Amino acid sequence: MALRLQRLDPERRRRRLALLVELADAKALRERLHPRRLRSDRLRQLIASRRRIVD
């Protein structure tokens, strides 16, 4: 049974891409405004994920 990828209709694809661009812009702005906090959050997440792997 082969899986076939469905193509989104053009309007839905356009809206999805616009939303992804908006999300990327918001993330970039947040990183510019609070780089130290984001770095520490990422470090905490990395430590937590490594602890889960070890356990």
PDB file of N, CA and C in Angstrom:
ATOM      1  N   MET A   1       0.849  -1.179   0.000  1.00  0.00           N
ATOM      2  CA  MET A   1       0.000   0.000   0.000  1.00  0.00           C
ATOM      3  C   MET A   1       0.897   1.245   0.000  1.00  0.00           C
ATOM      4  N   ALA A   2       0.884   1.952  -1.060  1.00  0.00           N
ATOM      5  CA  ALA A   2       1.735   3.134  -1.188  1.00  0.00           C
ATOM      6  C   ALA A   2       1.009   4.361  -0.651  1.00  0.00           C
ATOM      7  N   LEU A   3       1.736   5.169   0.105  1.00  0.00           N
ATOM      8  CA  LEU A   3       1.164   6.416   0.601  1.00  0.00           C
ATOM      9  C   LEU A   3       1.344   7.487  -0.456  1.00  0.00           C
ATOM     10  N   ARG A   4       0.294   8.224  -0.709  1.00  0.00           N
ATOM     11  CA  ARG A   4       0.370   9.310  -1.684  1.00  0.00           C
ATOM     12  C   ARG A   4       0.276  10.639  -0.958  1.00  0.00           C
ATOM     13  N   LEU A   5       1.215  11.518  -1.231  1.00  0.00           N
ATOM     14  CA  LEU A   5       1.164  12.828  -0.610  1.00  0.00           C
ATOM     15  C   LEU A   5       0.103  13.671  -1.296  1.00  0.00           C
ATOM     16  N   GLN A   6      -0.751  14.270  -0.494  1.00  0.00           N
ATOM     17  CA  GLN A   6      -1.794  15.125  -1.057  1.00  0.00           C
ATOM     18  C   GLN A   6      -1.256  16.543  -1.180  1.00  0.00           C
ATOM     19  N   ARG A   7      -1.539  17.176  -2.291  1.00  0.00           N
ATOM     20  CA  ARG A   7      -1.130  18.569  -2.479  1.00  0.00           C
ATOM     21  C   ARG A   7      -2.220  19.470  -1.920  1.00  0.00           C
ATOM     22  N   LEU A   8      -1.792  20.478  -1.176  1.00  0.00           N
ATOM     23  CA  LEU A   8      -2.751  21.433  -0.646  1.00  0.00           C
ATOM     24  C   LEU A   8      -3.260  22.306  -1.788  1.00  0.00           C
ATOM     25  N   ASP A   9      -4.507  22.718  -1.677  1.00  0.00           N
ATOM     26  CA  ASP A   9      -5.006  23.632  -2.698  1.00  0.00           C
ATOM     27  C   ASP A   9      -4.220  24.949  -2.574  1.00  0.00           C
ATOM     28  N   PRO A  10      -4.098  25.697  -3.656  1.00  0.00           N
ATOM     29  CA  PRO A  10      -3.219  26.883  -3.657  1.00  0.00           C
ATOM     30  C   PRO A  10      -3.527  27.897  -2.554  1.00  0.00           C
ATOM     31  N   GLU A  11      -4.794  28.135  -2.272  1.00  0.00           N
ATOM     32  CA  GLU A  11      -5.145  29.122  -1.239  1.00  0.00           C
ATOM     33  C   GLU A  11      -4.719  28.633   0.148  1.00  0.00           C
ATOM     34  N   ARG A  12      -4.968  27.364   0.421  1.00  0.00           N
ATOM     35  CA  ARG A  12      -4.594  26.813   1.721  1.00  0.00           C
ATOM     36  C   ARG A  12      -3.069  26.800   1.865  1.00  0.00           C
ATOM     37  N   ARG A  13      -2.353  26.477   0.791  1.00  0.00           N
ATOM     38  CA  ARG A  13      -0.901  26.475   0.813  1.00  0.00           C
ATOM     39  C   ARG A  13      -0.372  27.894   1.054  1.00  0.00           C
ATOM     40  N   ARG A  14      -0.964  28.891   0.402  1.00  0.00           N
ATOM     41  CA  ARG A  14      -0.553  30.278   0.575  1.00  0.00           C
ATOM     42  C   ARG A  14      -0.750  30.730   2.021  1.00  0.00           C
ATOM     43  N   ARG A  15      -1.910  30.384   2.608  1.00  0.00           N
ATOM     44  CA  ARG A  15      -2.184  30.755   4.004  1.00  0.00           C
ATOM     45  C   ARG A  15      -1.204  30.070   4.956  1.00  0.00           C
ATOM     46  N   ARG A  16      -0.906  28.812   4.677  1.00  0.00           N
ATOM     47  CA  ARG A  16       0.031  28.058   5.525  1.00  0.00           C
ATOM     48  C   ARG A  16       1.423  28.680   5.468  1.00  0.00           C
ATOM     49  N   LEU A  17       1.878  29.021   4.277  1.00  0.00           N
ATOM     50  CA  LEU A  17       3.195  29.642   4.140  1.00  0.00           C
ATOM     51  C   LEU A  17       3.242  31.010   4.819  1.00  0.00           C
ATOM     52  N   ALA A  18       2.153  31.778   4.683  1.00  0.00           N
ATOM     53  CA  ALA A  18       2.099  33.093   5.339  1.00  0.00           C
ATOM     54  C   ALA A  18       2.170  32.933   6.859  1.00  0.00           C
ATOM     55  N   LEU A  19       1.492  31.932   7.384  1.00  0.00           N
ATOM     56  CA  LEU A  19       1.510  31.682   8.823  1.00  0.00           C
ATOM     57  C   LEU A  19       2.907  31.268   9.286  1.00  0.00           C
ATOM     58  N   LEU A  20       3.573  30.429   8.493  1.00  0.00           N
ATOM     59  CA  LEU A  20       4.920  30.007   8.847  1.00  0.00           C
ATOM     60  C   LEU A  20       5.900  31.186   8.832  1.00  0.00           C
ATOM     61  N   VAL A  21       5.740  32.088   7.869  1.00  0.00           N
ATOM     62  CA  VAL A  21       6.587  33.279   7.811  1.00  0.00           C
ATOM     63  C   VAL A  21       6.339  34.155   9.037  1.00  0.00           C
ATOM     64  N   GLU A  22       5.083  34.323   9.395  1.00  0.00           N
ATOM     65  CA  GLU A  22       4.735  35.131  10.568  1.00  0.00           C
ATOM     66  C   GLU A  22       5.320  34.527  11.844  1.00  0.00           C
ATOM     67  N   LEU A  23       5.236  33.204  11.960  1.00  0.00           N
ATOM     68  CA  LEU A  23       5.782  32.515  13.120  1.00  0.00           C
ATOM     69  C   LEU A  23       7.303  32.682  13.187  1.00  0.00           C
ATOM     70  N   ALA A  24       7.978  32.561  12.053  1.00  0.00           N
ATOM     71  CA  ALA A  24       9.438  32.730  12.018  1.00  0.00           C
ATOM     72  C   ALA A  24       9.822  34.154  12.395  1.00  0.00           C
ATOM     73  N   ASP A  25       9.068  35.136  11.912  1.00  0.00           N
ATOM     74  CA  ASP A  25       9.347  36.534  12.261  1.00  0.00           C
ATOM     75  C   ASP A  25       9.184  36.771  13.757  1.00  0.00           C
ATOM     76  N   ALA A  26       8.119  36.221  14.329  1.00  0.00           N
ATOM     77  CA  ALA A  26       7.876  36.396  15.764  1.00  0.00           C
ATOM     78  C   ALA A  26       8.987  35.738  16.578  1.00  0.00           C
ATOM     79  N   LYS A  27       9.427  34.560  16.140  1.00  0.00           N
ATOM     80  CA  LYS A  27      10.498  33.869  16.858  1.00  0.00           C
ATOM     81  C   LYS A  27      11.806  34.656  16.774  1.00  0.00           C
ATOM     82  N   ALA A  28      12.114  35.192  15.603  1.00  0.00           N
ATOM     83  CA  ALA A  28      13.341  35.979  15.439  1.00  0.00           C
ATOM     84  C   ALA A  28      13.301  37.234  16.301  1.00  0.00           C
ATOM     85  N   LEU A  29      12.152  37.893  16.353  1.00  0.00           N
ATOM     86  CA  LEU A  29      12.013  39.091  17.180  1.00  0.00           C
ATOM     87  C   LEU A  29      12.206  38.752  18.650  1.00  0.00           C
ATOM     88  N   ARG A  30      11.599  37.660  19.087  1.00  0.00           N
ATOM     89  CA  ARG A  30      11.720  37.237  20.483  1.00  0.00           C
ATOM     90  C   ARG A  30      13.179  36.939  20.819  1.00  0.00           C
ATOM     91  N   GLU A  31      13.887  36.297  19.893  1.00  0.00           N
ATOM     92  CA  GLU A  31      15.297  35.991  20.144  1.00  0.00           C
ATOM     93  C   GLU A  31      16.142  37.251  20.213  1.00  0.00           C
ATOM     94  N   ARG A  32      15.807  38.243  19.401  1.00  0.00           N
ATOM     95  CA  ARG A  32      16.567  39.500  19.449  1.00  0.00           C
ATOM     96  C   ARG A  32      16.307  40.257  20.747  1.00  0.00           C
ATOM     97  N   LEU A  33      15.082  40.168  21.258  1.00  0.00           N
ATOM     98  CA  LEU A  33      14.738  40.915  22.462  1.00  0.00           C
ATOM     99  C   LEU A  33      15.249  40.252  23.738  1.00  0.00           C
ATOM    100  N   HIS A  34      15.284  38.919  23.755  1.00  0.00           N
ATOM    101  CA  HIS A  34      15.651  38.201  24.984  1.00  0.00           C
ATOM    102  C   HIS A  34      16.642  37.071  24.690  1.00  0.00           C
ATOM    103  N   PRO A  35      17.817  37.377  24.156  1.00  0.00           N
ATOM    104  CA  PRO A  35      18.732  36.294  23.775  1.00  0.00           C
ATOM    105  C   PRO A  35      19.270  35.496  24.962  1.00  0.00           C
ATOM    106  N   ARG A  36      19.559  36.166  26.067  1.00  0.00           N
ATOM    107  CA  ARG A  36      20.126  35.441  27.213  1.00  0.00           C
ATOM    108  C   ARG A  36      19.120  34.459  27.794  1.00  0.00           C
ATOM    109  N   ARG A  37      17.876  34.900  27.941  1.00  0.00           N
ATOM    110  CA  ARG A  37      16.843  34.022  28.496  1.00  0.00           C
ATOM    111  C   ARG A  37      16.611  32.818  27.592  1.00  0.00           C
ATOM    112  N   LEU A  38      16.585  33.058  26.291  1.00  0.00           N
ATOM    113  CA  LEU A  38      16.368  31.950  25.369  1.00  0.00           C
ATOM    114  C   LEU A  38      17.519  30.960  25.404  1.00  0.00           C
ATOM    115  N   ARG A  39      18.739  31.479  25.504  1.00  0.00           N
ATOM    116  CA  ARG A  39      19.892  30.572  25.594  1.00  0.00           C
ATOM    117  C   ARG A  39      19.794  29.709  26.839  1.00  0.00           C
ATOM    118  N   SER A  40      19.427  30.312  27.964  1.00  0.00           N
ATOM    119  CA  SER A  40      19.327  29.529  29.193  1.00  0.00           C
ATOM    120  C   SER A  40      18.165  28.539  29.116  1.00  0.00           C
ATOM    121  N   ASP A  41      17.058  28.924  28.474  1.00  0.00           N
ATOM    122  CA  ASP A  41      15.940  27.992  28.289  1.00  0.00           C
ATOM    123  C   ASP A  41      16.370  26.798  27.438  1.00  0.00           C
ATOM    124  N   ARG A  42      17.106  27.083  26.358  1.00  0.00           N
ATOM    125  CA  ARG A  42      17.577  25.985  25.495  1.00  0.00           C
ATOM    126  C   ARG A  42      18.525  25.064  26.244  1.00  0.00           C
ATOM    127  N   LEU A  43      19.385  25.653  27.061  1.00  0.00           N
ATOM    128  CA  LEU A  43      20.320  24.848  27.832  1.00  0.00           C
ATOM    129  C   LEU A  43      19.573  23.959  28.820  1.00  0.00           C
ATOM    130  N   ARG A  44      18.569  24.525  29.488  1.00  0.00           N
ATOM    131  CA  ARG A  44      17.764  23.716  30.413  1.00  0.00           C
ATOM    132  C   ARG A  44      17.066  22.573  29.685  1.00  0.00           C
ATOM    133  N   GLN A  45      16.530  22.842  28.497  1.00  0.00           N
ATOM    134  CA  GLN A  45      15.864  21.796  27.726  1.00  0.00           C
ATOM    135  C   GLN A  45      16.840  20.704  27.314  1.00  0.00           C
ATOM    136  N   LEU A  46      18.036  21.097  26.912  1.00  0.00           N
ATOM    137  CA  LEU A  46      19.048  20.129  26.521  1.00  0.00           C
ATOM    138  C   LEU A  46      19.436  19.240  27.699  1.00  0.00           C
ATOM    139  N   ILE A  47      19.646  19.845  28.861  1.00  0.00           N
ATOM    140  CA  ILE A  47      19.995  19.075  30.056  1.00  0.00           C
ATOM    141  C   ILE A  47      18.873  18.112  30.409  1.00  0.00           C
ATOM    142  N   ALA A  48      17.623  18.588  30.356  1.00  0.00           N
ATOM    143  CA  ALA A  48      16.478  17.734  30.689  1.00  0.00           C
ATOM    144  C   ALA A  48      16.362  16.573  29.708  1.00  0.00           C
ATOM    145  N   SER A  49      16.564  16.842  28.421  1.00  0.00           N
ATOM    146  CA  SER A  49      16.437  15.760  27.435  1.00  0.00           C
ATOM    147  C   SER A  49      17.551  14.732  27.612  1.00  0.00           C
ATOM    148  N   ARG A  50      18.750  15.190  27.937  1.00  0.00           N
ATOM    149  CA  ARG A  50      19.855  14.238  28.164  1.00  0.00           C
ATOM    150  C   ARG A  50      19.605  13.414  29.424  1.00  0.00           C
ATOM    151  N   ARG A  51      19.018  14.014  30.430  1.00  0.00           N
ATOM    152  CA  ARG A  51      18.687  13.256  31.643  1.00  0.00           C
ATOM    153  C   ARG A  51      17.657  12.179  31.324  1.00  0.00           C
ATOM    154  N   ARG A  52      16.676  12.526  30.471  1.00  0.00           N
ATOM    155  CA  ARG A  52      15.667  11.518  30.097  1.00  0.00           C
ATOM    156  C   ARG A  52      16.303  10.366  29.341  1.00  0.00           C
ATOM    157  N   ILE A  53      17.281  10.679  28.473  1.00  0.00           N
ATOM    158  CA  ILE A  53      17.945   9.631  27.706  1.00  0.00           C
ATOM    159  C   ILE A  53      18.727   8.699  28.638  1.00  0.00           C
ATOM    160  N   VAL A  54      19.394   9.264  29.644  1.00  0.00           N
ATOM    161  CA  VAL A  54      20.219   8.475  30.561  1.00  0.00           C
ATOM    162  C   VAL A  54      19.354   7.605  31.458  1.00  0.00           C
ATOM    163  N   ASP A  55      18.215   8.127  31.905  1.00  0.00           N
ATOM    164  CA  ASP A  55      17.349   7.373  32.834  1.00  0.00           C
ATOM    165  C   ASP A  55      16.711   6.165  32.223  1.00  0.00           C
TER     166      ASP A  55
END
